[in-house]
N, C-alpha and C. Protein backbone atom coordinates (compact mmCIF):
# COMPACT_ATOMS: atom_id res chain seq x y z
N MET A 1 31.28 42.72 11.94
CA MET A 1 31.04 42.15 13.12
C MET A 1 30.08 43.02 14.16
N SER A 2 29.55 43.51 12.90
CA SER A 2 28.31 44.24 12.90
C SER A 2 27.45 44.41 14.58
N GLY A 3 27.07 42.63 14.45
CA GLY A 3 26.13 42.17 14.78
C GLY A 3 26.05 42.17 16.22
N CYS A 4 27.70 41.79 16.11
CA CYS A 4 28.68 41.65 17.69
C CYS A 4 28.29 42.55 18.96
N ALA A 5 28.59 43.68 17.74
CA ALA A 5 29.08 45.28 18.36
C ALA A 5 27.86 46.10 18.79
N THR A 6 26.69 45.64 18.45
CA THR A 6 25.16 45.67 18.81
C THR A 6 24.74 45.61 19.72
N ALA A 7 25.04 43.89 19.96
CA ALA A 7 24.66 43.42 21.02
C ALA A 7 25.55 43.80 22.16
N ALA A 8 26.70 44.53 22.59
CA ALA A 8 27.58 44.61 23.24
C ALA A 8 27.34 45.95 23.82
N THR A 9 26.51 46.57 23.86
CA THR A 9 25.66 47.88 23.46
C THR A 9 24.91 48.09 23.63
N GLN A 10 24.01 46.78 23.78
CA GLN A 10 22.12 47.05 23.45
C GLN A 10 21.60 47.23 25.08
N ALA A 11 20.91 48.21 25.41
CA ALA A 11 20.23 48.34 26.47
C ALA A 11 20.07 47.21 27.53
N PRO A 12 20.33 47.10 28.56
CA PRO A 12 19.51 46.06 29.33
C PRO A 12 17.83 45.80 29.56
N VAL A 13 17.29 44.57 29.58
CA VAL A 13 16.11 44.19 29.47
C VAL A 13 15.90 43.72 30.33
N SER A 14 13.93 44.60 30.67
CA SER A 14 13.66 44.36 32.18
C SER A 14 13.21 42.79 32.11
N VAL A 15 13.01 42.24 33.29
CA VAL A 15 12.63 41.10 33.43
C VAL A 15 11.24 40.84 34.07
N ALA A 16 10.30 40.65 33.97
CA ALA A 16 9.29 40.68 35.18
C ALA A 16 9.29 39.63 36.09
N PRO A 17 9.04 40.13 37.39
CA PRO A 17 8.59 38.93 38.19
C PRO A 17 8.37 37.52 37.89
N LEU A 18 8.81 36.78 38.75
CA LEU A 18 8.63 35.16 38.75
C LEU A 18 6.77 35.41 39.17
N ALA A 19 7.30 35.83 40.03
CA ALA A 19 5.54 35.65 40.48
C ALA A 19 4.15 35.97 39.91
N SER A 20 4.39 36.94 39.29
CA SER A 20 3.61 37.49 37.42
C SER A 20 3.11 36.70 36.79
N ILE A 21 4.17 35.85 35.85
CA ILE A 21 3.51 35.27 35.23
C ILE A 21 3.38 33.39 35.61
N LYS A 22 1.85 33.68 34.62
CA LYS A 22 1.16 32.72 34.70
C LYS A 22 1.55 30.90 34.20
N VAL A 23 1.10 30.49 35.13
CA VAL A 23 2.23 28.63 33.74
C VAL A 23 1.09 27.81 33.94
N GLU A 24 0.58 27.80 32.27
CA GLU A 24 -0.58 26.42 32.21
C GLU A 24 0.07 25.38 33.30
N PRO A 25 -0.95 24.89 33.89
CA PRO A 25 -1.00 22.96 33.78
C PRO A 25 -0.65 22.34 32.34
N LEU A 26 -0.31 21.39 32.24
CA LEU A 26 0.31 20.75 31.65
C LEU A 26 -0.71 19.71 31.31
N ARG A 27 -1.33 18.82 29.57
CA ARG A 27 -2.36 18.79 29.39
C ARG A 27 -1.49 17.38 28.99
N PRO A 28 -2.51 16.20 29.39
CA PRO A 28 -2.05 14.21 29.45
C PRO A 28 -2.11 14.26 27.64
N LEU A 29 -0.58 14.12 27.09
CA LEU A 29 -0.76 13.44 25.93
C LEU A 29 -1.80 12.56 25.52
N ARG A 30 -2.70 12.77 24.48
CA ARG A 30 -3.24 11.80 23.69
C ARG A 30 -2.73 10.76 22.47
N ALA A 31 -2.64 9.54 23.78
CA ALA A 31 -2.39 8.15 22.29
C ALA A 31 -3.45 8.39 21.25
N PRO A 32 -2.32 8.47 20.31
CA PRO A 32 -2.61 8.07 18.80
C PRO A 32 -4.44 6.96 18.48
N GLU A 33 -5.05 6.73 17.39
CA GLU A 33 -6.15 5.80 17.64
C GLU A 33 -5.13 5.25 16.74
N VAL A 34 -6.29 3.77 16.78
CA VAL A 34 -5.18 2.75 16.16
C VAL A 34 -6.53 2.23 16.00
N ILE A 35 -6.44 2.27 14.39
CA ILE A 35 -7.03 1.73 13.33
C ILE A 35 -7.49 0.27 13.89
N THR A 36 -8.45 -0.33 13.94
CA THR A 36 -9.11 -1.92 14.12
C THR A 36 -10.14 -2.20 12.97
N ALA A 37 -10.46 -3.73 12.58
CA ALA A 37 -11.60 -3.76 12.45
C ALA A 37 -13.00 -3.37 12.97
N GLU A 38 -12.42 -3.45 14.33
CA GLU A 38 -14.13 -3.06 15.06
C GLU A 38 -14.01 -1.17 15.46
N LEU A 39 -13.42 -0.78 15.07
CA LEU A 39 -13.49 0.78 14.64
C LEU A 39 -13.57 1.28 13.08
N ASN A 40 -13.41 0.26 12.49
CA ASN A 40 -14.03 0.61 10.78
C ASN A 40 -15.48 0.61 10.87
N SER A 41 -16.35 -0.19 11.90
CA SER A 41 -17.91 -0.38 11.54
C SER A 41 -18.51 0.66 12.07
N THR A 42 -17.55 1.69 12.46
CA THR A 42 -17.87 3.26 13.10
C THR A 42 -17.76 4.34 11.48
N ARG A 43 -17.20 3.62 10.59
CA ARG A 43 -16.15 4.93 9.94
C ARG A 43 -17.10 5.20 8.08
N ARG A 44 -16.81 5.45 7.88
CA ARG A 44 -17.51 5.69 6.22
C ARG A 44 -16.82 5.04 5.61
N LEU A 45 -16.71 4.24 4.44
CA LEU A 45 -15.45 3.86 3.85
C LEU A 45 -15.73 5.22 2.80
N ASP A 46 -14.58 5.52 1.85
CA ASP A 46 -14.23 6.36 0.85
C ASP A 46 -15.10 7.63 1.34
N PRO A 47 -14.65 8.43 2.29
CA PRO A 47 -14.99 8.97 2.92
C PRO A 47 -15.51 10.54 1.98
N ARG A 48 -14.35 10.80 0.43
CA ARG A 48 -14.56 11.78 -0.28
C ARG A 48 -15.72 11.58 -0.95
N GLY A 49 -16.56 10.20 -1.46
CA GLY A 49 -17.22 10.19 -2.60
C GLY A 49 -16.46 9.64 -3.09
N GLN A 50 -15.25 9.72 -3.43
CA GLN A 50 -14.63 9.02 -4.89
C GLN A 50 -15.23 7.96 -5.76
N ILE A 51 -15.64 6.77 -5.31
CA ILE A 51 -16.50 5.85 -5.54
C ILE A 51 -17.35 5.52 -5.79
N ARG A 52 -17.79 5.45 -7.31
CA ARG A 52 -19.93 5.27 -7.45
C ARG A 52 -19.94 4.25 -6.39
N LYS A 53 -21.65 4.86 -6.09
CA LYS A 53 -22.31 4.16 -4.56
C LYS A 53 -22.48 2.42 -5.55
N GLU A 54 -23.09 2.57 -6.59
CA GLU A 54 -23.01 0.70 -6.53
C GLU A 54 -21.96 0.03 -6.76
N LEU A 55 -20.92 0.66 -7.53
CA LEU A 55 -19.96 0.05 -7.26
C LEU A 55 -19.25 -0.40 -6.08
N LEU A 56 -19.10 0.52 -5.07
CA LEU A 56 -18.96 0.21 -3.53
C LEU A 56 -19.87 -0.78 -3.01
N GLU A 57 -20.85 -0.34 -3.22
CA GLU A 57 -22.36 -1.24 -2.60
C GLU A 57 -22.20 -2.93 -2.61
N ARG A 58 -21.68 -3.79 -4.49
CA ARG A 58 -21.73 -4.02 -4.59
C ARG A 58 -20.62 -4.57 -4.72
N ALA A 59 -19.05 -4.12 -4.33
CA ALA A 59 -17.86 -5.22 -3.85
C ALA A 59 -17.46 -5.42 -2.57
N THR A 60 -18.85 -4.32 -1.77
CA THR A 60 -18.50 -5.03 -0.24
C THR A 60 -19.46 -6.40 -0.11
N ALA A 61 -20.86 -6.37 -0.57
CA ALA A 61 -21.90 -7.49 -1.10
C ALA A 61 -20.56 -8.68 -1.41
N ALA A 62 -19.64 -8.08 -2.27
CA ALA A 62 -19.37 -9.50 -2.73
C ALA A 62 -18.14 -10.05 -1.43
N LEU A 63 -17.88 -8.72 -0.89
CA LEU A 63 -16.78 -9.52 0.55
C LEU A 63 -17.23 -11.37 0.78
N ASP A 64 -18.76 -10.39 1.40
CA ASP A 64 -19.79 -11.91 1.91
C ASP A 64 -19.70 -12.97 0.90
N ILE A 65 -20.19 -12.61 -0.17
CA ILE A 65 -20.50 -13.59 -0.54
C ILE A 65 -19.62 -15.22 -0.90
N HIS A 66 -18.59 -13.76 -1.38
CA HIS A 66 -17.18 -14.64 -1.45
C HIS A 66 -15.91 -14.84 -0.52
N GLY A 67 -17.10 -14.75 0.68
CA GLY A 67 -15.75 -14.68 1.91
C GLY A 67 -15.04 -16.06 2.02
N HIS A 68 -15.48 -17.46 1.34
CA HIS A 68 -14.10 -18.44 1.69
C HIS A 68 -13.12 -18.67 0.67
N ARG A 69 -13.03 -17.28 -0.68
CA ARG A 69 -12.08 -16.91 -1.42
C ARG A 69 -11.31 -15.91 -1.02
N ILE A 70 -12.07 -14.94 -0.09
CA ILE A 70 -11.26 -13.36 -0.10
C ILE A 70 -11.06 -13.87 1.37
N THR A 71 -9.85 -14.16 1.76
CA THR A 71 -9.12 -14.17 3.27
C THR A 71 -8.67 -13.32 3.67
N ARG A 72 -8.62 -11.99 2.82
CA ARG A 72 -8.05 -11.08 3.58
C ARG A 72 -9.03 -9.75 3.15
N ARG A 73 -8.94 -9.36 4.43
CA ARG A 73 -10.04 -7.85 4.58
C ARG A 73 -9.41 -6.85 4.92
N ASP A 74 -8.29 -6.62 4.86
CA ASP A 74 -7.41 -5.43 5.33
C ASP A 74 -7.81 -4.42 3.82
N ARG A 75 -7.62 -4.70 2.75
CA ARG A 75 -8.18 -3.37 1.89
C ARG A 75 -8.27 -4.93 0.81
N MET A 76 -9.39 -3.51 -0.57
CA MET A 76 -9.55 -4.08 -1.79
C MET A 76 -9.54 -3.28 -2.66
N TYR A 77 -9.88 -4.30 -3.85
CA TYR A 77 -9.10 -3.19 -5.27
C TYR A 77 -10.82 -3.26 -6.34
N LEU A 78 -11.11 -2.33 -6.61
CA LEU A 78 -12.54 -2.06 -7.50
C LEU A 78 -11.94 -0.85 -8.81
N VAL A 79 -12.50 -1.48 -9.61
CA VAL A 79 -12.20 -1.11 -11.20
C VAL A 79 -13.63 -0.54 -11.88
N ASP A 80 -14.03 0.48 -12.32
CA ASP A 80 -15.21 1.17 -12.63
C ASP A 80 -14.72 1.50 -14.39
N PHE A 81 -15.68 0.16 -14.98
CA PHE A 81 -15.69 0.14 -16.34
C PHE A 81 -16.64 1.41 -16.87
N GLN A 82 -17.34 2.40 -16.26
CA GLN A 82 -17.87 3.40 -16.90
C GLN A 82 -17.26 4.24 -17.14
N LYS A 83 -16.27 4.38 -16.63
CA LYS A 83 -15.32 5.99 -16.72
C LYS A 83 -13.83 5.26 -17.81
N PHE A 84 -14.30 6.70 -18.09
CA PHE A 84 -12.65 7.03 -19.42
C PHE A 84 -11.37 6.31 -19.18
N SER A 85 -10.94 5.73 -20.06
CA SER A 85 -9.92 4.73 -19.76
C SER A 85 -8.42 6.26 -19.53
N GLY A 86 -8.70 7.00 -19.29
CA GLY A 86 -7.63 7.51 -19.25
C GLY A 86 -7.76 8.36 -17.45
N ASP A 87 -9.22 7.89 -17.02
CA ASP A 87 -9.57 8.22 -15.47
C ASP A 87 -9.18 7.54 -14.83
N GLU A 88 -8.88 8.19 -14.03
CA GLU A 88 -8.50 6.92 -12.64
C GLU A 88 -9.56 6.31 -11.69
N ARG A 89 -9.63 5.10 -12.35
CA ARG A 89 -10.63 3.89 -12.01
C ARG A 89 -10.55 2.51 -11.75
N LEU A 90 -9.06 2.98 -10.79
CA LEU A 90 -8.55 1.72 -10.56
C LEU A 90 -8.73 1.78 -8.90
N TYR A 91 -9.09 1.87 -7.85
CA TYR A 91 -9.43 2.50 -6.68
C TYR A 91 -8.88 0.88 -5.87
N GLU A 92 -7.60 1.35 -4.95
CA GLU A 92 -7.68 0.77 -3.27
C GLU A 92 -8.24 0.90 -2.61
N VAL A 93 -9.51 0.74 -1.65
CA VAL A 93 -9.35 1.07 -0.22
C VAL A 93 -9.46 0.24 0.48
N ASP A 94 -9.17 0.72 1.99
CA ASP A 94 -8.34 0.48 2.86
C ASP A 94 -10.16 0.34 4.05
N LEU A 95 -10.10 -1.36 4.00
CA LEU A 95 -11.09 -1.36 4.92
C LEU A 95 -11.17 -0.42 5.76
N GLU A 96 -10.08 -1.03 6.60
CA GLU A 96 -9.89 -0.50 8.38
C GLU A 96 -9.63 0.90 8.51
N GLY A 97 -9.20 1.14 6.90
CA GLY A 97 -8.61 2.94 8.07
C GLY A 97 -10.31 4.03 6.66
N GLY A 98 -10.82 3.24 5.65
CA GLY A 98 -11.58 4.03 4.94
C GLY A 98 -10.79 4.75 3.12
N VAL A 99 -9.94 5.24 3.54
CA VAL A 99 -8.92 5.62 2.98
C VAL A 99 -8.91 4.57 1.64
N VAL A 100 -9.12 6.27 0.18
CA VAL A 100 -8.74 5.10 -1.39
C VAL A 100 -8.07 5.96 -2.11
N THR A 101 -7.23 4.86 -2.73
CA THR A 101 -6.46 5.39 -3.38
C THR A 101 -6.27 5.01 -4.37
N LEU A 102 -6.46 6.26 -5.85
CA LEU A 102 -6.87 6.27 -6.85
C LEU A 102 -5.80 5.79 -8.53
N MET A 103 -5.34 4.66 -8.97
CA MET A 103 -5.28 4.63 -10.13
C MET A 103 -5.78 4.32 -11.71
N ARG A 104 -4.63 3.96 -12.32
CA ARG A 104 -5.16 4.05 -14.01
C ARG A 104 -5.62 2.67 -14.30
N THR A 105 -6.27 2.19 -15.20
CA THR A 105 -6.19 0.73 -15.62
C THR A 105 -6.43 1.07 -16.78
N SER A 106 -5.97 -0.16 -17.98
CA SER A 106 -6.60 -0.54 -19.20
C SER A 106 -8.17 -1.61 -19.06
N HIS A 107 -8.78 -1.41 -20.69
CA HIS A 107 -9.71 -2.76 -20.91
C HIS A 107 -8.97 -2.99 -22.05
N GLY A 108 -9.90 -3.89 -22.09
CA GLY A 108 -9.24 -5.21 -23.73
C GLY A 108 -10.58 -4.24 -24.56
N ARG A 109 -9.26 -4.86 -25.46
CA ARG A 109 -10.11 -3.91 -27.26
C ARG A 109 -11.15 -4.90 -27.71
N GLY A 110 -11.45 -5.75 -27.34
CA GLY A 110 -13.00 -6.81 -27.60
C GLY A 110 -13.73 -6.14 -26.89
N SER A 111 -13.59 -5.13 -25.51
CA SER A 111 -14.80 -4.24 -24.85
C SER A 111 -14.66 -2.87 -25.66
N ASP A 112 -14.02 -2.77 -26.76
CA ASP A 112 -13.67 -1.12 -27.19
C ASP A 112 -13.31 -1.18 -28.16
N PRO A 113 -13.75 -1.91 -29.11
CA PRO A 113 -13.54 -2.38 -30.65
C PRO A 113 -12.87 -0.56 -31.71
N ALA A 114 -13.71 0.03 -31.73
CA ALA A 114 -13.61 1.35 -31.97
C ALA A 114 -12.56 2.49 -31.09
N HIS A 115 -12.23 1.70 -30.16
CA HIS A 115 -11.31 2.67 -29.27
C HIS A 115 -11.34 4.04 -29.27
N THR A 116 -12.79 3.79 -28.40
CA THR A 116 -13.27 5.37 -27.94
C THR A 116 -12.52 5.61 -26.60
N GLY A 117 -12.05 4.84 -25.95
CA GLY A 117 -11.81 5.33 -24.26
C GLY A 117 -12.82 4.57 -23.43
N PHE A 118 -13.63 3.99 -23.95
CA PHE A 118 -14.89 3.99 -22.88
C PHE A 118 -14.95 1.95 -23.42
N ALA A 119 -15.31 1.32 -22.43
CA ALA A 119 -16.07 0.21 -22.84
C ALA A 119 -17.20 -0.34 -22.48
N THR A 120 -17.78 -0.61 -24.02
CA THR A 120 -18.52 -0.98 -23.83
C THR A 120 -19.53 -2.92 -24.05
N ALA A 121 -18.32 -3.66 -24.08
CA ALA A 121 -19.44 -5.14 -23.63
C ALA A 121 -17.97 -5.78 -23.06
N PHE A 122 -18.72 -6.36 -22.82
CA PHE A 122 -17.90 -7.91 -21.55
C PHE A 122 -18.28 -9.48 -21.75
N GLY A 123 -17.22 -9.89 -21.52
CA GLY A 123 -17.43 -11.60 -21.91
C GLY A 123 -16.08 -12.41 -20.89
N ASN A 124 -16.55 -12.98 -21.14
CA ASN A 124 -15.18 -14.78 -20.32
C ASN A 124 -14.51 -15.65 -21.86
N THR A 125 -14.85 -15.09 -22.46
CA THR A 125 -14.36 -16.31 -23.89
C THR A 125 -13.10 -16.34 -24.34
N PRO A 126 -12.96 -17.48 -24.41
CA PRO A 126 -10.79 -17.39 -24.66
C PRO A 126 -10.92 -16.13 -26.20
N ASP A 127 -10.48 -15.44 -26.22
CA ASP A 127 -9.73 -14.96 -27.36
C ASP A 127 -10.62 -14.08 -27.88
N SER A 128 -11.69 -13.73 -26.77
CA SER A 128 -12.23 -12.52 -27.62
C SER A 128 -11.60 -11.24 -26.46
N HIS A 129 -10.72 -11.21 -26.19
CA HIS A 129 -10.11 -9.95 -25.99
C HIS A 129 -11.07 -8.91 -25.09
N MET A 130 -12.32 -9.53 -24.58
CA MET A 130 -12.75 -8.70 -23.97
C MET A 130 -12.48 -8.40 -22.49
N SER A 131 -12.59 -7.17 -21.32
CA SER A 131 -12.66 -7.51 -20.08
C SER A 131 -13.51 -8.68 -19.68
N SER A 132 -13.40 -8.71 -18.71
CA SER A 132 -14.32 -9.39 -17.55
C SER A 132 -14.76 -8.88 -16.18
N VAL A 133 -16.26 -8.50 -16.05
CA VAL A 133 -16.78 -7.93 -14.90
C VAL A 133 -16.56 -8.90 -13.62
N GLY A 134 -17.22 -8.64 -12.44
CA GLY A 134 -17.90 -8.79 -11.57
C GLY A 134 -15.84 -9.41 -10.40
N ALA A 135 -16.30 -10.33 -9.52
CA ALA A 135 -15.66 -10.70 -8.68
C ALA A 135 -14.54 -11.67 -8.95
N PHE A 136 -13.15 -11.04 -8.21
CA PHE A 136 -11.64 -11.47 -8.79
C PHE A 136 -11.37 -12.20 -7.26
N ALA A 137 -9.98 -12.94 -7.10
CA ALA A 137 -9.49 -13.43 -6.21
C ALA A 137 -8.31 -13.44 -6.65
N THR A 138 -7.33 -12.69 -5.51
CA THR A 138 -5.81 -12.26 -5.97
C THR A 138 -5.45 -13.01 -5.75
N ALA A 139 -4.78 -13.70 -6.38
CA ALA A 139 -3.78 -15.01 -6.41
C ALA A 139 -2.29 -15.04 -5.91
N GLY A 140 -1.77 -14.23 -6.40
CA GLY A 140 -0.12 -13.95 -5.91
C GLY A 140 0.45 -13.45 -6.59
N ALA A 141 1.80 -13.36 -6.61
CA ALA A 141 2.55 -12.15 -7.44
C ALA A 141 3.30 -13.10 -7.98
N SER A 142 3.12 -13.35 -9.51
CA SER A 142 4.51 -14.15 -10.89
C SER A 142 4.55 -13.67 -11.52
N PHE A 143 5.31 -13.79 -12.33
CA PHE A 143 6.03 -13.49 -13.42
C PHE A 143 6.31 -14.41 -14.22
N GLY A 144 5.83 -14.03 -15.50
CA GLY A 144 5.53 -14.04 -16.74
C GLY A 144 6.66 -14.19 -18.02
N ALA A 145 6.47 -14.81 -19.19
CA ALA A 145 7.94 -14.61 -19.99
C ALA A 145 7.68 -13.74 -20.95
N GLN A 146 6.05 -12.79 -21.19
CA GLN A 146 5.83 -12.43 -22.16
C GLN A 146 5.35 -10.28 -21.68
N GLN A 147 4.78 -10.56 -20.29
CA GLN A 147 4.96 -9.57 -19.42
C GLN A 147 5.06 -8.95 -18.45
N GLY A 148 5.81 -9.65 -18.21
CA GLY A 148 6.82 -9.54 -17.00
C GLY A 148 6.28 -10.06 -15.70
N PRO A 149 6.75 -9.27 -14.64
CA PRO A 149 6.38 -9.39 -13.07
C PRO A 149 4.45 -8.85 -13.24
N ASN A 150 3.84 -9.47 -12.95
CA ASN A 150 1.63 -9.69 -12.46
C ASN A 150 2.01 -10.21 -11.28
N VAL A 151 0.31 -9.65 -11.66
CA VAL A 151 -0.11 -10.66 -10.13
C VAL A 151 -1.64 -11.24 -11.18
N LEU A 152 -1.70 -12.75 -10.58
CA LEU A 152 -2.59 -13.71 -10.94
C LEU A 152 -3.91 -12.85 -10.60
N LEU A 153 -5.07 -13.82 -11.09
CA LEU A 153 -6.33 -13.50 -10.68
C LEU A 153 -7.40 -14.96 -10.37
N ASP A 154 -7.86 -15.02 -10.02
CA ASP A 154 -9.17 -16.00 -10.82
C ASP A 154 -10.25 -15.25 -10.04
N GLY A 155 -11.07 -15.94 -11.21
CA GLY A 155 -12.64 -15.09 -11.27
C GLY A 155 -12.99 -16.19 -10.26
N LEU A 156 -14.37 -15.49 -9.71
CA LEU A 156 -15.25 -16.18 -8.85
C LEU A 156 -16.68 -16.33 -8.79
N GLU A 157 -16.94 -15.66 -10.62
CA GLU A 157 -17.97 -15.94 -10.85
C GLU A 157 -18.48 -16.16 -12.00
N TYR A 158 -19.99 -16.48 -12.73
CA TYR A 158 -19.99 -16.87 -13.86
C TYR A 158 -19.19 -16.39 -14.91
N SER A 159 -19.37 -14.93 -14.84
CA SER A 159 -18.67 -14.26 -15.97
C SER A 159 -17.55 -13.44 -16.42
N ASN A 160 -16.78 -14.49 -15.55
CA ASN A 160 -15.36 -14.11 -15.28
C ASN A 160 -14.29 -15.47 -14.58
N ASP A 161 -14.73 -16.47 -14.74
CA ASP A 161 -14.07 -17.86 -13.93
C ASP A 161 -13.36 -18.65 -14.67
N ARG A 162 -13.59 -18.21 -16.11
CA ARG A 162 -11.40 -18.39 -17.16
C ARG A 162 -10.80 -17.57 -16.86
N ALA A 163 -10.74 -16.17 -16.01
CA ALA A 163 -9.83 -16.10 -16.04
C ALA A 163 -8.10 -16.59 -15.96
N ARG A 164 -8.51 -17.28 -15.46
CA ARG A 164 -6.94 -18.16 -15.17
C ARG A 164 -6.37 -19.20 -16.93
N GLU A 165 -7.84 -19.23 -17.46
CA GLU A 165 -7.85 -20.22 -18.39
C GLU A 165 -7.19 -18.63 -19.86
N ARG A 166 -7.37 -17.74 -19.09
CA ARG A 166 -7.86 -16.60 -20.41
C ARG A 166 -6.30 -16.00 -20.36
N ALA A 167 -5.97 -16.64 -18.83
CA ALA A 167 -4.19 -16.05 -18.75
C ALA A 167 -5.12 -13.84 -18.36
N ILE A 168 -6.03 -13.73 -17.49
CA ILE A 168 -6.54 -11.95 -17.29
C ILE A 168 -5.35 -11.87 -16.00
N ILE A 169 -4.73 -11.33 -16.24
CA ILE A 169 -4.08 -10.65 -14.57
C ILE A 169 -3.98 -9.37 -14.94
N ILE A 170 -2.55 -9.30 -13.68
CA ILE A 170 -2.95 -7.50 -13.52
C ILE A 170 -1.20 -7.72 -14.03
N HIS A 171 -0.72 -6.58 -14.91
CA HIS A 171 0.62 -6.22 -15.41
C HIS A 171 1.30 -4.61 -15.50
N GLY A 172 2.26 -4.32 -15.82
CA GLY A 172 2.35 -3.12 -16.47
C GLY A 172 2.47 -3.13 -17.84
N ALA A 173 2.19 -1.58 -18.55
CA ALA A 173 2.01 -1.72 -20.25
C ALA A 173 2.52 -0.41 -20.24
N ASP A 174 3.12 -0.39 -21.56
CA ASP A 174 3.83 0.97 -21.67
C ASP A 174 3.11 1.93 -21.93
N TYR A 175 1.27 1.48 -22.52
CA TYR A 175 0.37 2.44 -23.42
C TYR A 175 -0.66 2.41 -21.77
N ALA A 176 -0.71 2.32 -20.87
CA ALA A 176 -0.97 2.34 -20.14
C ALA A 176 -0.70 3.72 -18.99
N ASP A 177 0.86 3.52 -18.89
CA ASP A 177 1.97 4.35 -18.86
C ASP A 177 1.33 6.57 -19.21
N PRO A 178 1.88 6.81 -18.31
CA PRO A 178 0.98 8.41 -18.30
C PRO A 178 1.93 8.97 -19.84
N SER A 179 2.78 9.37 -19.87
CA SER A 179 3.72 9.59 -20.92
C SER A 179 2.32 8.80 -22.78
N PHE A 180 2.05 7.67 -22.51
CA PHE A 180 1.01 7.18 -23.71
C PHE A 180 -0.47 8.30 -23.47
N LEU A 181 -0.67 8.01 -22.25
CA LEU A 181 -1.83 9.27 -21.89
C LEU A 181 -2.09 10.39 -22.48
N ALA A 182 -0.80 11.12 -22.60
CA ALA A 182 -0.28 12.97 -22.53
C ALA A 182 -0.37 12.52 -24.47
N ARG A 183 -0.13 11.06 -24.64
CA ARG A 183 0.38 11.68 -26.29
C ARG A 183 -0.69 11.84 -26.69
N GLU A 184 -1.99 10.24 -26.07
CA GLU A 184 -3.41 9.95 -26.84
C GLU A 184 -4.61 10.55 -26.72
N GLY A 185 -4.43 10.81 -25.63
CA GLY A 185 -5.55 11.40 -24.49
C GLY A 185 -6.61 10.18 -23.97
N LYS A 186 -5.55 9.07 -24.34
CA LYS A 186 -6.61 7.77 -23.27
C LYS A 186 -5.52 6.60 -23.32
N LEU A 187 -5.95 5.05 -22.69
CA LEU A 187 -5.31 4.63 -22.41
C LEU A 187 -5.17 3.68 -23.77
N GLY A 188 -3.92 2.77 -24.15
CA GLY A 188 -4.39 1.63 -24.55
C GLY A 188 -5.20 0.86 -24.42
N ARG A 189 -5.39 -0.93 -25.08
CA ARG A 189 -5.75 -1.08 -24.81
C ARG A 189 -5.32 -2.95 -24.71
N SER A 190 -5.68 -3.22 -23.78
CA SER A 190 -5.24 -5.09 -23.29
C SER A 190 -5.72 -6.02 -24.49
N TYR A 191 -5.51 -7.52 -23.81
CA TYR A 191 -6.45 -8.52 -25.06
C TYR A 191 -7.36 -8.93 -23.31
N GLY A 192 -7.93 -7.87 -22.53
CA GLY A 192 -8.75 -8.61 -21.64
C GLY A 192 -8.07 -8.04 -20.04
N CYS A 193 -6.89 -7.62 -20.22
CA CYS A 193 -6.23 -7.67 -18.91
C CYS A 193 -6.17 -6.22 -17.79
N PHE A 194 -5.95 -6.26 -16.84
CA PHE A 194 -5.99 -4.91 -15.43
C PHE A 194 -4.54 -4.41 -16.13
N SER A 195 -4.04 -3.68 -16.98
CA SER A 195 -2.85 -3.48 -17.21
C SER A 195 -3.50 -1.92 -16.53
N VAL A 196 -1.69 -1.29 -15.72
CA VAL A 196 -1.52 -0.23 -15.16
C VAL A 196 0.14 -0.24 -15.43
N ALA A 197 0.28 1.35 -15.16
CA ALA A 197 1.11 2.59 -15.68
C ALA A 197 2.18 1.35 -15.03
N HIS A 198 3.68 1.34 -15.35
CA HIS A 198 4.71 0.70 -14.92
C HIS A 198 5.24 1.03 -13.45
N ALA A 199 5.06 2.73 -13.54
CA ALA A 199 5.59 3.07 -12.14
C ALA A 199 4.50 2.56 -10.76
N ASP A 200 3.46 2.49 -11.27
CA ASP A 200 2.00 1.45 -10.38
C ASP A 200 2.08 0.12 -10.02
N LEU A 201 3.14 -0.53 -10.80
CA LEU A 201 2.54 -2.44 -10.60
C LEU A 201 3.87 -2.46 -9.57
N PRO A 202 5.12 -2.08 -9.31
CA PRO A 202 5.51 -2.82 -7.93
C PRO A 202 4.88 -2.32 -6.80
N ALA A 203 4.87 -1.63 -6.01
CA ALA A 203 3.90 -1.20 -5.16
C ALA A 203 2.59 -2.37 -5.05
N LEU A 204 1.50 -2.34 -6.68
CA LEU A 204 0.10 -2.29 -6.18
C LEU A 204 0.57 -4.38 -5.84
N ARG A 205 2.06 -4.73 -6.93
CA ARG A 205 2.19 -6.24 -6.88
C ARG A 205 2.08 -6.47 -6.03
N GLU A 206 2.90 -6.15 -4.86
CA GLU A 206 3.44 -6.15 -3.48
C GLU A 206 2.25 -6.32 -2.72
N ARG A 207 1.05 -5.06 -2.80
CA ARG A 207 -0.13 -5.35 -1.44
C ARG A 207 -1.11 -5.69 -2.05
N MET A 208 -1.44 -6.06 -3.22
CA MET A 208 -2.58 -6.89 -3.55
C MET A 208 -2.60 -8.67 -3.13
N GLY A 209 -1.28 -8.68 -3.25
CA GLY A 209 -1.18 -10.17 -2.53
C GLY A 209 -1.86 -11.20 -3.38
N GLU A 210 -2.40 -12.46 -2.20
CA GLU A 210 -3.21 -13.64 -2.72
C GLU A 210 -4.64 -13.39 -1.56
N GLY A 211 -5.29 -13.48 -1.96
CA GLY A 211 -6.91 -14.04 -1.04
C GLY A 211 -7.60 -12.62 -0.91
N ARG A 212 -7.23 -11.20 -1.58
CA ARG A 212 -8.02 -10.28 -1.82
C ARG A 212 -9.23 -9.79 -2.56
N LEU A 213 -9.69 -9.17 -2.22
CA LEU A 213 -11.31 -8.33 -3.42
C LEU A 213 -10.66 -7.99 -5.09
N LEU A 214 -10.43 -8.38 -5.98
CA LEU A 214 -10.77 -7.20 -7.13
C LEU A 214 -12.40 -7.59 -7.61
N PHE A 215 -12.29 -6.43 -7.76
CA PHE A 215 -14.00 -6.41 -8.22
C PHE A 215 -14.18 -5.67 -9.01
N ALA A 216 -14.67 -5.73 -10.38
CA ALA A 216 -15.03 -4.81 -11.77
C ALA A 216 -16.56 -4.61 -11.95
N TRP A 217 -16.83 -3.98 -12.49
CA TRP A 217 -17.62 -3.52 -13.06
C TRP A 217 -18.40 -1.72 -13.75
N ALA A 218 -19.67 -1.75 -14.26
CA ALA A 218 -19.82 -1.04 -15.37
C ALA A 218 -21.17 -0.96 -14.78
């Protein structure tokens, strides 16, 4: 009880007269800024410069070129196939706020036959196991017997318009998980799909939805 005893014997504290205390006037509270599409016209996408300039410019142009298929303009998804497979090269871009979220994704084994970790060739031919480049439209969440939960894609250009025929989708894969990367030093290869880590898939599958742009380039 030493604390209580000390408090009981503490010397009295002098208090300044009220007239000598200055009271600052209250400042009006500032309402939180609401991010809208109109406000975005003055904001810079990717403020930290995480995305290669050419990739961002091509993707932005694709939003207008394929406007009849890209019906959702709140966010878009970009893949930079110039980057090493172990690097974060799948970008979710918030088109209303400019913020970028980074993830990892695999490329096709036909695009990297020697398994160097770099995709060097791209194609649209069935059974080529190559990745395709160009603009895709997300076609909604689905579930497959082999790959489980996934996101369907429709290719919008000559370079990827056989995506549905080739079953090019976004799905989770063990060879895209962080543990595989830590063990092998690079991600494994898909049959042309945009494979992602199992932990990334649920939120990605929900947020991609239908009618958003996925743009891949090298």
